[in-house]
Amino acid sequence: MGKRHPNYRHVKVHRNYTVEEAANLFGIHKNTVREWLKSGLPVLDDKRPRLILGQELAAFLQARRIKNKQTCQPGQMYCVRYRAPKMAAGGMADYLPHTEKLGMLKAICPDCLSMMNRRVSVAKLEQVRGELVITFPQGLDQVSNRLQPTVNSDLEREMNS
């Protein structure tokens, strides 16, 4: 199965591609490449097989990606179902750390009630926040951090032996 957004960085800019070679490069159907040709991807000449300059192919895909990109404003997250940036329901989001410097904002879409995510660094959290009220949920205590043994623990028996 092909990719929805072919990565223009995979194109060798000093190479020429046929329609079939371009399709194989991205794992897509050759009719998709033919649609790109109809929508403005230039070919070398009108002869068969149609040859696409690698540099033109990379530029075409890069321009398509930039044209379709929708950046989120402060306080917004991208709703995949609506394919648009949205404000979080209730103006609330949770921040879940992934690493020491990077985490994920999670919120609910007000229109479709699905989860929205936005990857954000701790350093840029204030810039991204906007009007959002962000909570930082505490994780469960690790077993090794507990002072009291768990109910299923044999530690008490071992200590009394």
C-alpha atoms as a PDB file:
ATOM      1  CA  MET A   1       0.000   0.000   0.000  1.00  0.00           C
ATOM      2  CA  GLY A   2       1.331   3.443  -0.916  1.00  0.00           C
ATOM      3  CA  LYS A   3       1.862   6.475   1.197  1.00  0.00           C
ATOM      4  CA  ARG A   4      -0.544   9.362   1.352  1.00  0.00           C
ATOM      5  CA  HIS A   5       2.274  11.939   1.409  1.00  0.00           C
ATOM      6  CA  PRO A   6       5.250  10.762  -0.655  1.00  0.00           C
ATOM      7  CA  ASN A   7       8.540  12.042   0.735  1.00  0.00           C
ATOM      8  CA  TYR A   8      10.243  14.262  -1.839  1.00  0.00           C
ATOM      9  CA  ARG A   9      13.604  13.583  -0.152  1.00  0.00           C
ATOM     10  CA  HIS A  10      13.632  10.072  -1.648  1.00  0.00           C
ATOM     11  CA  VAL A  11      13.909  11.491  -5.163  1.00  0.00           C
ATOM     12  CA  LYS A  12      17.342  11.528  -6.764  1.00  0.00           C
ATOM     13  CA  VAL A  13      17.417  14.995  -8.347  1.00  0.00           C
ATOM     14  CA  HIS A  14      19.969  14.112 -11.040  1.00  0.00           C
ATOM     15  CA  ARG A  15      17.960  11.159 -12.336  1.00  0.00           C
ATOM     16  CA  ASN A  16      15.069  10.884 -14.790  1.00  0.00           C
ATOM     17  CA  TYR A  17      12.055   8.746 -13.894  1.00  0.00           C
ATOM     18  CA  THR A  18       9.405   7.038 -15.959  1.00  0.00           C
ATOM     19  CA  VAL A  19       5.860   7.018 -14.598  1.00  0.00           C
ATOM     20  CA  GLU A  20       6.326   3.423 -13.431  1.00  0.00           C
ATOM     21  CA  GLU A  21       9.685   4.158 -11.754  1.00  0.00           C
ATOM     22  CA  ALA A  22       8.241   7.148  -9.908  1.00  0.00           C
ATOM     23  CA  ALA A  23       5.287   5.043  -8.734  1.00  0.00           C
ATOM     24  CA  ASN A  24       7.612   2.265  -7.529  1.00  0.00           C
ATOM     25  CA  LEU A  25       9.814   4.793  -5.715  1.00  0.00           C
ATOM     26  CA  PHE A  26       6.908   5.822  -3.484  1.00  0.00           C
ATOM     27  CA  GLY A  27       4.953   2.554  -3.435  1.00  0.00           C
ATOM     28  CA  ILE A  28       1.950   4.137  -5.139  1.00  0.00           C
ATOM     29  CA  HIS A  29      -0.096   3.303  -8.224  1.00  0.00           C
ATOM     30  CA  LYS A  30       1.131   4.641 -11.556  1.00  0.00           C
ATOM     31  CA  ASN A  31      -2.252   6.316 -12.105  1.00  0.00           C
ATOM     32  CA  THR A  32      -1.421   8.556  -9.155  1.00  0.00           C
ATOM     33  CA  VAL A  33       1.720   9.734 -10.943  1.00  0.00           C
ATOM     34  CA  ARG A  34      -0.352  10.259 -14.091  1.00  0.00           C
ATOM     35  CA  GLU A  35      -2.714  12.475 -12.048  1.00  0.00           C
ATOM     36  CA  TRP A  36       0.311  14.488 -10.928  1.00  0.00           C
ATOM     37  CA  LEU A  37       1.205  14.964 -14.591  1.00  0.00           C
ATOM     38  CA  LYS A  38      -2.322  16.236 -15.315  1.00  0.00           C
ATOM     39  CA  SER A  39      -2.129  18.621 -12.355  1.00  0.00           C
ATOM     40  CA  GLY A  40       1.108  20.240 -13.477  1.00  0.00           C
ATOM     41  CA  LEU A  41       4.111  17.952 -12.970  1.00  0.00           C
ATOM     42  CA  PRO A  42       6.291  18.710 -16.016  1.00  0.00           C
ATOM     43  CA  VAL A  43       7.742  16.003 -18.265  1.00  0.00           C
ATOM     44  CA  LEU A  44      10.952  16.158 -20.276  1.00  0.00           C
ATOM     45  CA  ASP A  45       9.181  16.001 -23.666  1.00  0.00           C
ATOM     46  CA  ASP A  46       6.055  14.565 -25.314  1.00  0.00           C
ATOM     47  CA  LYS A  47       7.759  11.322 -26.382  1.00  0.00           C
ATOM     48  CA  ARG A  48       7.073   7.922 -24.855  1.00  0.00           C
ATOM     49  CA  PRO A  49       8.007   6.790 -22.319  1.00  0.00           C
ATOM     50  CA  ARG A  50       7.289  10.001 -20.471  1.00  0.00           C
ATOM     51  CA  LEU A  51      10.359  11.076 -18.528  1.00  0.00           C
ATOM     52  CA  ILE A  52      10.150  13.137 -15.368  1.00  0.00           C
ATOM     53  CA  LEU A  53      13.214  15.029 -14.213  1.00  0.00           C
ATOM     54  CA  GLY A  54      14.062  14.109 -10.641  1.00  0.00           C
ATOM     55  CA  GLN A  55      14.567  17.744  -9.736  1.00  0.00           C
ATOM     56  CA  GLU A  56      11.091  18.629 -11.086  1.00  0.00           C
ATOM     57  CA  LEU A  57       9.494  15.697  -9.251  1.00  0.00           C
ATOM     58  CA  ALA A  58      11.065  16.699  -5.923  1.00  0.00           C
ATOM     59  CA  ALA A  59      10.050  20.354  -6.396  1.00  0.00           C
ATOM     60  CA  PHE A  60       6.475  19.364  -7.331  1.00  0.00           C
ATOM     61  CA  LEU A  61       6.023  17.168  -4.258  1.00  0.00           C
ATOM     62  CA  GLN A  62       7.609  19.731  -1.961  1.00  0.00           C
ATOM     63  CA  ALA A  63       5.333  22.500  -3.281  1.00  0.00           C
ATOM     64  CA  ARG A  64       2.280  20.244  -2.815  1.00  0.00           C
ATOM     65  CA  ARG A  65       3.238  19.518   0.779  1.00  0.00           C
ATOM     66  CA  ILE A  66       3.761  23.214   1.576  1.00  0.00           C
ATOM     67  CA  LYS A  67       0.469  24.200  -0.099  1.00  0.00           C
ATOM     68  CA  ASN A  68      -1.527  21.639   1.921  1.00  0.00           C
ATOM     69  CA  LYS A  69       0.183  22.298   5.251  1.00  0.00           C
ATOM     70  CA  GLN A  70      -2.002  23.809   7.948  1.00  0.00           C
ATOM     71  CA  THR A  71      -0.164  25.182  10.938  1.00  0.00           C
ATOM     72  CA  CYS A  72      -1.808  25.327  14.322  1.00  0.00           C
ATOM     73  CA  GLN A  73      -2.074  28.662  16.089  1.00  0.00           C
ATOM     74  CA  PRO A  74      -1.454  28.941  19.859  1.00  0.00           C
ATOM     75  CA  GLY A  75      -4.134  27.013  21.710  1.00  0.00           C
ATOM     76  CA  GLN A  76      -5.012  24.846  18.693  1.00  0.00           C
ATOM     77  CA  MET A  77      -4.388  21.212  17.849  1.00  0.00           C
ATOM     78  CA  TYR A  78      -4.883  19.328  14.601  1.00  0.00           C
ATOM     79  CA  CYS A  79      -8.012  17.192  14.344  1.00  0.00           C
ATOM     80  CA  VAL A  80      -7.271  14.294  12.012  1.00  0.00           C
ATOM     81  CA  ARG A  81     -10.947  13.532  11.411  1.00  0.00           C
ATOM     82  CA  TYR A  82     -11.778  17.118  10.351  1.00  0.00           C
ATOM     83  CA  ARG A  83      -8.334  17.665   8.768  1.00  0.00           C
ATOM     84  CA  ALA A  84      -8.110  21.118  10.307  1.00  0.00           C
ATOM     85  CA  PRO A  85      -6.686  22.895  13.353  1.00  0.00           C
ATOM     86  CA  LYS A  86      -9.239  23.143  16.164  1.00  0.00           C
ATOM     87  CA  MET A  87      -9.449  24.648  19.635  1.00  0.00           C
ATOM     88  CA  ALA A  88      -9.620  22.038  22.382  1.00  0.00           C
ATOM     89  CA  ALA A  89     -13.008  21.228  23.919  1.00  0.00           C
ATOM     90  CA  GLY A  90     -13.449  23.203  27.129  1.00  0.00           C
ATOM     91  CA  GLY A  91     -10.110  24.908  26.506  1.00  0.00           C
ATOM     92  CA  MET A  92      -8.358  22.077  28.346  1.00  0.00           C
ATOM     93  CA  ALA A  93      -5.466  19.784  27.459  1.00  0.00           C
ATOM     94  CA  ASP A  94      -3.181  17.318  29.225  1.00  0.00           C
ATOM     95  CA  TYR A  95       0.586  17.382  28.862  1.00  0.00           C
ATOM     96  CA  LEU A  96       2.164  13.937  28.854  1.00  0.00           C
ATOM     97  CA  PRO A  97       5.979  13.956  28.930  1.00  0.00           C
ATOM     98  CA  HIS A  98       7.719  11.675  26.475  1.00  0.00           C
ATOM     99  CA  THR A  99      11.293  12.606  27.314  1.00  0.00           C
ATOM    100  CA  GLU A 100      12.813  15.206  29.605  1.00  0.00           C
ATOM    101  CA  LYS A 101      12.440  17.927  26.964  1.00  0.00           C
ATOM    102  CA  LEU A 102       9.616  16.686  24.730  1.00  0.00           C
ATOM    103  CA  GLY A 103       6.004  15.744  25.348  1.00  0.00           C
ATOM    104  CA  MET A 104       2.526  15.488  23.914  1.00  0.00           C
ATOM    105  CA  LEU A 105      -0.486  17.715  24.410  1.00  0.00           C
ATOM    106  CA  LYS A 106      -3.708  15.708  24.338  1.00  0.00           C
ATOM    107  CA  ALA A 107      -7.177  17.207  24.087  1.00  0.00           C
ATOM    108  CA  ILE A 108     -10.653  16.419  22.800  1.00  0.00           C
ATOM    109  CA  CYS A 109     -11.984  17.870  19.546  1.00  0.00           C
ATOM    110  CA  PRO A 110     -15.113  19.936  20.301  1.00  0.00           C
ATOM    111  CA  ASP A 111     -16.830  18.848  17.066  1.00  0.00           C
ATOM    112  CA  CYS A 112     -16.200  15.115  16.732  1.00  0.00           C
ATOM    113  CA  LEU A 113     -15.056  14.298  20.313  1.00  0.00           C
ATOM    114  CA  SER A 114     -11.991  12.421  19.041  1.00  0.00           C
ATOM    115  CA  MET A 115      -8.554  12.795  20.629  1.00  0.00           C
ATOM    116  CA  MET A 116      -6.255  15.459  19.225  1.00  0.00           C
ATOM    117  CA  ASN A 117      -2.495  15.422  19.785  1.00  0.00           C
ATOM    118  CA  ARG A 118       0.229  18.005  19.430  1.00  0.00           C
ATOM    119  CA  ARG A 119       3.888  17.240  19.965  1.00  0.00           C
ATOM    120  CA  VAL A 120       5.601  20.067  21.823  1.00  0.00           C
ATOM    121  CA  SER A 121       8.873  20.754  23.565  1.00  0.00           C
ATOM    122  CA  VAL A 122       8.830  21.947  27.157  1.00  0.00           C
ATOM    123  CA  ALA A 123      10.697  25.105  26.082  1.00  0.00           C
ATOM    124  CA  LYS A 124       7.900  26.084  23.654  1.00  0.00           C
ATOM    125  CA  LEU A 125       4.966  25.061  25.826  1.00  0.00           C
ATOM    126  CA  GLU A 126       4.108  28.657  26.762  1.00  0.00           C
ATOM    127  CA  GLN A 127       4.140  29.748  23.095  1.00  0.00           C
ATOM    128  CA  VAL A 128       1.853  26.871  22.088  1.00  0.00           C
ATOM    129  CA  ARG A 129      -0.485  27.218  25.075  1.00  0.00           C
ATOM    130  CA  GLY A 130      -2.543  30.216  23.964  1.00  0.00           C
ATOM    131  CA  GLU A 131      -5.692  30.176  26.152  1.00  0.00           C
ATOM    132  CA  LEU A 132      -5.407  26.458  26.973  1.00  0.00           C
ATOM    133  CA  VAL A 133      -5.540  25.292  30.551  1.00  0.00           C
ATOM    134  CA  ILE A 134      -2.909  22.561  30.634  1.00  0.00           C
ATOM    135  CA  THR A 135      -2.855  19.892  33.321  1.00  0.00           C
ATOM    136  CA  PHE A 136       0.129  17.734  34.087  1.00  0.00           C
ATOM    137  CA  PRO A 137      -1.306  14.370  35.208  1.00  0.00           C
ATOM    138  CA  GLN A 138       0.830  12.491  37.698  1.00  0.00           C
ATOM    139  CA  GLY A 139       1.670   8.931  36.772  1.00  0.00           C
ATOM    140  CA  LEU A 140       1.136   6.031  39.131  1.00  0.00           C
ATOM    141  CA  ASP A 141       3.890   5.427  41.646  1.00  0.00           C
ATOM    142  CA  GLN A 142       6.431   2.911  40.506  1.00  0.00           C
ATOM    143  CA  VAL A 143       6.465  -0.330  42.461  1.00  0.00           C
ATOM    144  CA  SER A 144      10.045   0.339  43.531  1.00  0.00           C
ATOM    145  CA  ASN A 145       9.051   3.739  44.996  1.00  0.00           C
ATOM    146  CA  ARG A 146       6.406   2.359  47.360  1.00  0.00           C
ATOM    147  CA  LEU A 147       7.120   2.223  51.058  1.00  0.00           C
ATOM    148  CA  GLN A 148       4.385  -0.312  51.761  1.00  0.00           C
ATOM    149  CA  PRO A 149       4.502  -3.721  50.046  1.00  0.00           C
ATOM    150  CA  THR A 150       1.659  -4.557  47.673  1.00  0.00           C
ATOM    151  CA  VAL A 151      -1.101  -6.934  48.742  1.00  0.00           C
ATOM    152  CA  ASN A 152       0.299  -9.812  46.695  1.00  0.00           C
ATOM    153  CA  SER A 153       3.792  -9.378  48.045  1.00  0.00           C
ATOM    154  CA  ASP A 154       5.712 -12.121  49.820  1.00  0.00           C
ATOM    155  CA  LEU A 155       8.045  -9.510  51.306  1.00  0.00           C
ATOM    156  CA  GLU A 156       6.354  -9.634  54.719  1.00  0.00           C
ATOM    157  CA  ARG A 157       6.786 -13.404  54.960  1.00  0.00           C
ATOM    158  CA  GLU A 158      10.434 -13.111  53.959  1.00  0.00           C
ATOM    159  CA  MET A 159      11.081 -10.416  56.571  1.00  0.00           C
ATOM    160  CA  ASN A 160       9.528 -12.527  59.356  1.00  0.00           C
ATOM    161  CA  SER A 161      11.492 -15.654  58.425  1.00  0.00           C
END
